[in-house]
Amino acid sequence: MEIKILLPQEQSKRGVINLKDFIDKASINGVESTEIERAALLNGQMGVGDLLNSVKTIVEAATEPLVELVKCLQKYADNYRTVITIPTKNGNIVLKHGRSMKPEQLKELVTAIQQNNL
């Protein structure tokens, strides 16, 4: 399952790199890869493309890796006092700093991500 994770537009390129590193350091079993998304190159341009304000993760479709990823993202939002957005088919899922999640909220969020990304 591919999950796109967005930071606010005003976040610096460093913020996107920090988010990728934060997810990588969490060493979540079931997260197969984490990549910084880059803008597409136009004809005649060279390089790898500008950094976008998003990270793409490839996660097993199992619940446990998704739960750990959401916990990791919430911890990142709290530590860096930011907002993380996960776009889905039925709208955006938003994680805000200072918002601690109860177990049932975490379960609802993971279920929403699974249903909207399959």
C-alpha atoms as a PDB file:
ATOM      1  CA  MET A   1       0.000   0.000   0.000  1.00  0.00           C
ATOM      2  CA  GLU A   2       1.380   3.394  -0.958  1.00  0.00           C
ATOM      3  CA  ILE A   3       0.765   6.266   1.438  1.00  0.00           C
ATOM      4  CA  LYS A   4       1.525   9.891   0.653  1.00  0.00           C
ATOM      5  CA  ILE A   5       2.366  12.060   3.662  1.00  0.00           C
ATOM      6  CA  LEU A   6       2.224  15.844   3.264  1.00  0.00           C
ATOM      7  CA  LEU A   7       3.747  18.607   5.350  1.00  0.00           C
ATOM      8  CA  PRO A   8       2.393  22.170   5.264  1.00  0.00           C
ATOM      9  CA  GLN A   9       3.384  24.068   2.117  1.00  0.00           C
ATOM     10  CA  GLU A  10       5.456  26.572   4.097  1.00  0.00           C
ATOM     11  CA  GLN A  11       7.638  23.817   5.581  1.00  0.00           C
ATOM     12  CA  SER A  12      11.211  23.953   4.378  1.00  0.00           C
ATOM     13  CA  LYS A  13      12.919  21.273   2.347  1.00  0.00           C
ATOM     14  CA  ARG A  14      14.723  20.426   5.574  1.00  0.00           C
ATOM     15  CA  GLY A  15      11.353  19.549   7.147  1.00  0.00           C
ATOM     16  CA  VAL A  16      10.657  16.927   4.475  1.00  0.00           C
ATOM     17  CA  ILE A  17      14.135  15.465   4.928  1.00  0.00           C
ATOM     18  CA  ASN A  18      13.616  15.413   8.717  1.00  0.00           C
ATOM     19  CA  LEU A  19      10.303  13.582   8.289  1.00  0.00           C
ATOM     20  CA  LYS A  20      11.874  10.920   6.048  1.00  0.00           C
ATOM     21  CA  ASP A  21      14.764  10.466   8.482  1.00  0.00           C
ATOM     22  CA  PHE A  22      12.329  10.280  11.429  1.00  0.00           C
ATOM     23  CA  ILE A  23      10.335   7.495   9.750  1.00  0.00           C
ATOM     24  CA  ASP A  24      13.523   5.656   8.738  1.00  0.00           C
ATOM     25  CA  LYS A  25      14.956   5.842  12.280  1.00  0.00           C
ATOM     26  CA  ALA A  26      11.728   4.414  13.701  1.00  0.00           C
ATOM     27  CA  SER A  27      12.592   1.160  11.857  1.00  0.00           C
ATOM     28  CA  ILE A  28       8.956   0.122  11.515  1.00  0.00           C
ATOM     29  CA  ASN A  29       8.554  -3.512  10.471  1.00  0.00           C
ATOM     30  CA  GLY A  30       6.370  -3.624   7.391  1.00  0.00           C
ATOM     31  CA  VAL A  31       7.403  -0.224   6.005  1.00  0.00           C
ATOM     32  CA  GLU A  32       9.174  -1.315   2.846  1.00  0.00           C
ATOM     33  CA  SER A  33      10.441   2.081   1.684  1.00  0.00           C
ATOM     34  CA  THR A  34      10.277   5.792   2.377  1.00  0.00           C
ATOM     35  CA  GLU A  35      11.030   8.283  -0.384  1.00  0.00           C
ATOM     36  CA  ILE A  36      10.978  12.054  -0.682  1.00  0.00           C
ATOM     37  CA  GLU A  37       8.765  13.034  -3.580  1.00  0.00           C
ATOM     38  CA  ARG A  38      10.303  15.279  -6.192  1.00  0.00           C
ATOM     39  CA  ALA A  39       8.801  17.465  -8.891  1.00  0.00           C
ATOM     40  CA  ALA A  40       8.815  16.020 -12.395  1.00  0.00           C
ATOM     41  CA  LEU A  41      11.483  17.362 -14.692  1.00  0.00           C
ATOM     42  CA  LEU A  42      10.470  19.242 -17.804  1.00  0.00           C
ATOM     43  CA  ASN A  43      11.949  18.417 -21.206  1.00  0.00           C
ATOM     44  CA  GLY A  44      15.565  19.484 -21.367  1.00  0.00           C
ATOM     45  CA  GLN A  45      16.032  19.802 -17.599  1.00  0.00           C
ATOM     46  CA  MET A  46      18.732  17.850 -15.844  1.00  0.00           C
ATOM     47  CA  GLY A  47      18.898  16.708 -12.248  1.00  0.00           C
ATOM     48  CA  VAL A  48      16.557  14.889  -9.910  1.00  0.00           C
ATOM     49  CA  GLY A  49      13.796  17.494  -9.550  1.00  0.00           C
ATOM     50  CA  ASP A  50      12.918  19.903  -6.775  1.00  0.00           C
ATOM     51  CA  LEU A  51      11.845  18.516  -3.424  1.00  0.00           C
ATOM     52  CA  LEU A  52       8.104  18.576  -2.837  1.00  0.00           C
ATOM     53  CA  ASN A  53       6.468  18.890   0.548  1.00  0.00           C
ATOM     54  CA  SER A  54       5.688  15.183   0.709  1.00  0.00           C
ATOM     55  CA  VAL A  55       7.073  11.774   1.534  1.00  0.00           C
ATOM     56  CA  LYS A  56       5.825   8.540  -0.020  1.00  0.00           C
ATOM     57  CA  THR A  57       5.889   5.325   2.002  1.00  0.00           C
ATOM     58  CA  ILE A  58       5.266   1.786   0.856  1.00  0.00           C
ATOM     59  CA  VAL A  59       3.660  -0.204   3.680  1.00  0.00           C
ATOM     60  CA  GLU A  60       2.445  -3.775   3.919  1.00  0.00           C
ATOM     61  CA  ALA A  61      -1.356  -3.884   3.873  1.00  0.00           C
ATOM     62  CA  ALA A  62      -1.297  -5.321   7.404  1.00  0.00           C
ATOM     63  CA  THR A  63      -2.703  -3.325  10.302  1.00  0.00           C
ATOM     64  CA  GLU A  64       0.314  -3.445  12.645  1.00  0.00           C
ATOM     65  CA  PRO A  65       2.793  -1.591  10.373  1.00  0.00           C
ATOM     66  CA  LEU A  66       0.142   1.042   9.686  1.00  0.00           C
ATOM     67  CA  VAL A  67      -0.529   1.524  13.415  1.00  0.00           C
ATOM     68  CA  GLU A  68       3.192   1.985  14.050  1.00  0.00           C
ATOM     69  CA  LEU A  69       3.508   4.418  11.135  1.00  0.00           C
ATOM     70  CA  VAL A  70       0.591   6.536  12.404  1.00  0.00           C
ATOM     71  CA  LYS A  71       2.096   6.585  15.916  1.00  0.00           C
ATOM     72  CA  CYS A  72       5.422   7.646  14.398  1.00  0.00           C
ATOM     73  CA  LEU A  73       3.760  10.435  12.388  1.00  0.00           C
ATOM     74  CA  GLN A  74       1.869  11.689  15.448  1.00  0.00           C
ATOM     75  CA  LYS A  75       5.115  11.750  17.434  1.00  0.00           C
ATOM     76  CA  TYR A  76       6.780  13.697  14.597  1.00  0.00           C
ATOM     77  CA  ALA A  77       3.903  16.210  14.493  1.00  0.00           C
ATOM     78  CA  ASP A  78       4.209  16.691  18.263  1.00  0.00           C
ATOM     79  CA  ASN A  79       8.019  16.993  18.289  1.00  0.00           C
ATOM     80  CA  TYR A  80       8.193  19.408  15.351  1.00  0.00           C
ATOM     81  CA  ARG A  81       4.926  21.231  16.163  1.00  0.00           C
ATOM     82  CA  THR A  82       3.550  20.764  12.690  1.00  0.00           C
ATOM     83  CA  VAL A  83       0.593  19.333  10.829  1.00  0.00           C
ATOM     84  CA  ILE A  84       0.791  16.158   8.734  1.00  0.00           C
ATOM     85  CA  THR A  85      -1.798  15.446   6.053  1.00  0.00           C
ATOM     86  CA  ILE A  86      -2.498  12.051   4.475  1.00  0.00           C
ATOM     87  CA  PRO A  87      -4.612  12.472   1.325  1.00  0.00           C
ATOM     88  CA  THR A  88      -7.142   9.685   0.678  1.00  0.00           C
ATOM     89  CA  LYS A  89      -9.922   9.073  -1.828  1.00  0.00           C
ATOM     90  CA  ASN A  90     -12.517  10.332   0.675  1.00  0.00           C
ATOM     91  CA  GLY A  91     -10.657  13.421   1.871  1.00  0.00           C
ATOM     92  CA  ASN A  92      -7.612  14.290   3.910  1.00  0.00           C
ATOM     93  CA  ILE A  93      -6.615  12.770   7.234  1.00  0.00           C
ATOM     94  CA  VAL A  94      -4.877  15.384   9.391  1.00  0.00           C
ATOM     95  CA  LEU A  95      -2.539  14.783  12.334  1.00  0.00           C
ATOM     96  CA  LYS A  96      -1.897  17.902  14.435  1.00  0.00           C
ATOM     97  CA  HIS A  97       0.638  18.533  17.165  1.00  0.00           C
ATOM     98  CA  GLY A  98      -0.659  18.436  20.688  1.00  0.00           C
ATOM     99  CA  ARG A  99      -3.449  16.039  19.784  1.00  0.00           C
ATOM    100  CA  SER A 100      -2.931  12.809  21.668  1.00  0.00           C
ATOM    101  CA  MET A 101      -4.901   9.925  20.222  1.00  0.00           C
ATOM    102  CA  LYS A 102      -6.990   7.507  22.202  1.00  0.00           C
ATOM    103  CA  PRO A 103      -6.770   3.844  21.116  1.00  0.00           C
ATOM    104  CA  GLU A 104     -10.176   3.988  19.410  1.00  0.00           C
ATOM    105  CA  GLN A 105      -9.157   7.124  17.465  1.00  0.00           C
ATOM    106  CA  LEU A 106      -5.982   5.390  16.317  1.00  0.00           C
ATOM    107  CA  LYS A 107      -8.005   2.370  15.192  1.00  0.00           C
ATOM    108  CA  GLU A 108     -10.460   4.604  13.267  1.00  0.00           C
ATOM    109  CA  LEU A 109      -7.586   6.433  11.574  1.00  0.00           C
ATOM    110  CA  VAL A 110      -5.819   3.223  10.537  1.00  0.00           C
ATOM    111  CA  THR A 111      -9.095   1.771   9.231  1.00  0.00           C
ATOM    112  CA  ALA A 112      -9.746   4.948   7.217  1.00  0.00           C
ATOM    113  CA  ILE A 113      -6.279   4.802   5.667  1.00  0.00           C
ATOM    114  CA  GLN A 114      -6.687   1.121   4.775  1.00  0.00           C
ATOM    115  CA  GLN A 115     -10.126   1.565   3.245  1.00  0.00           C
ATOM    116  CA  ASN A 116      -9.171   4.622   1.235  1.00  0.00           C
ATOM    117  CA  ASN A 117      -5.845   3.372  -0.090  1.00  0.00           C
ATOM    118  CA  LEU A 118      -6.737  -0.163  -1.171  1.00  0.00           C
END
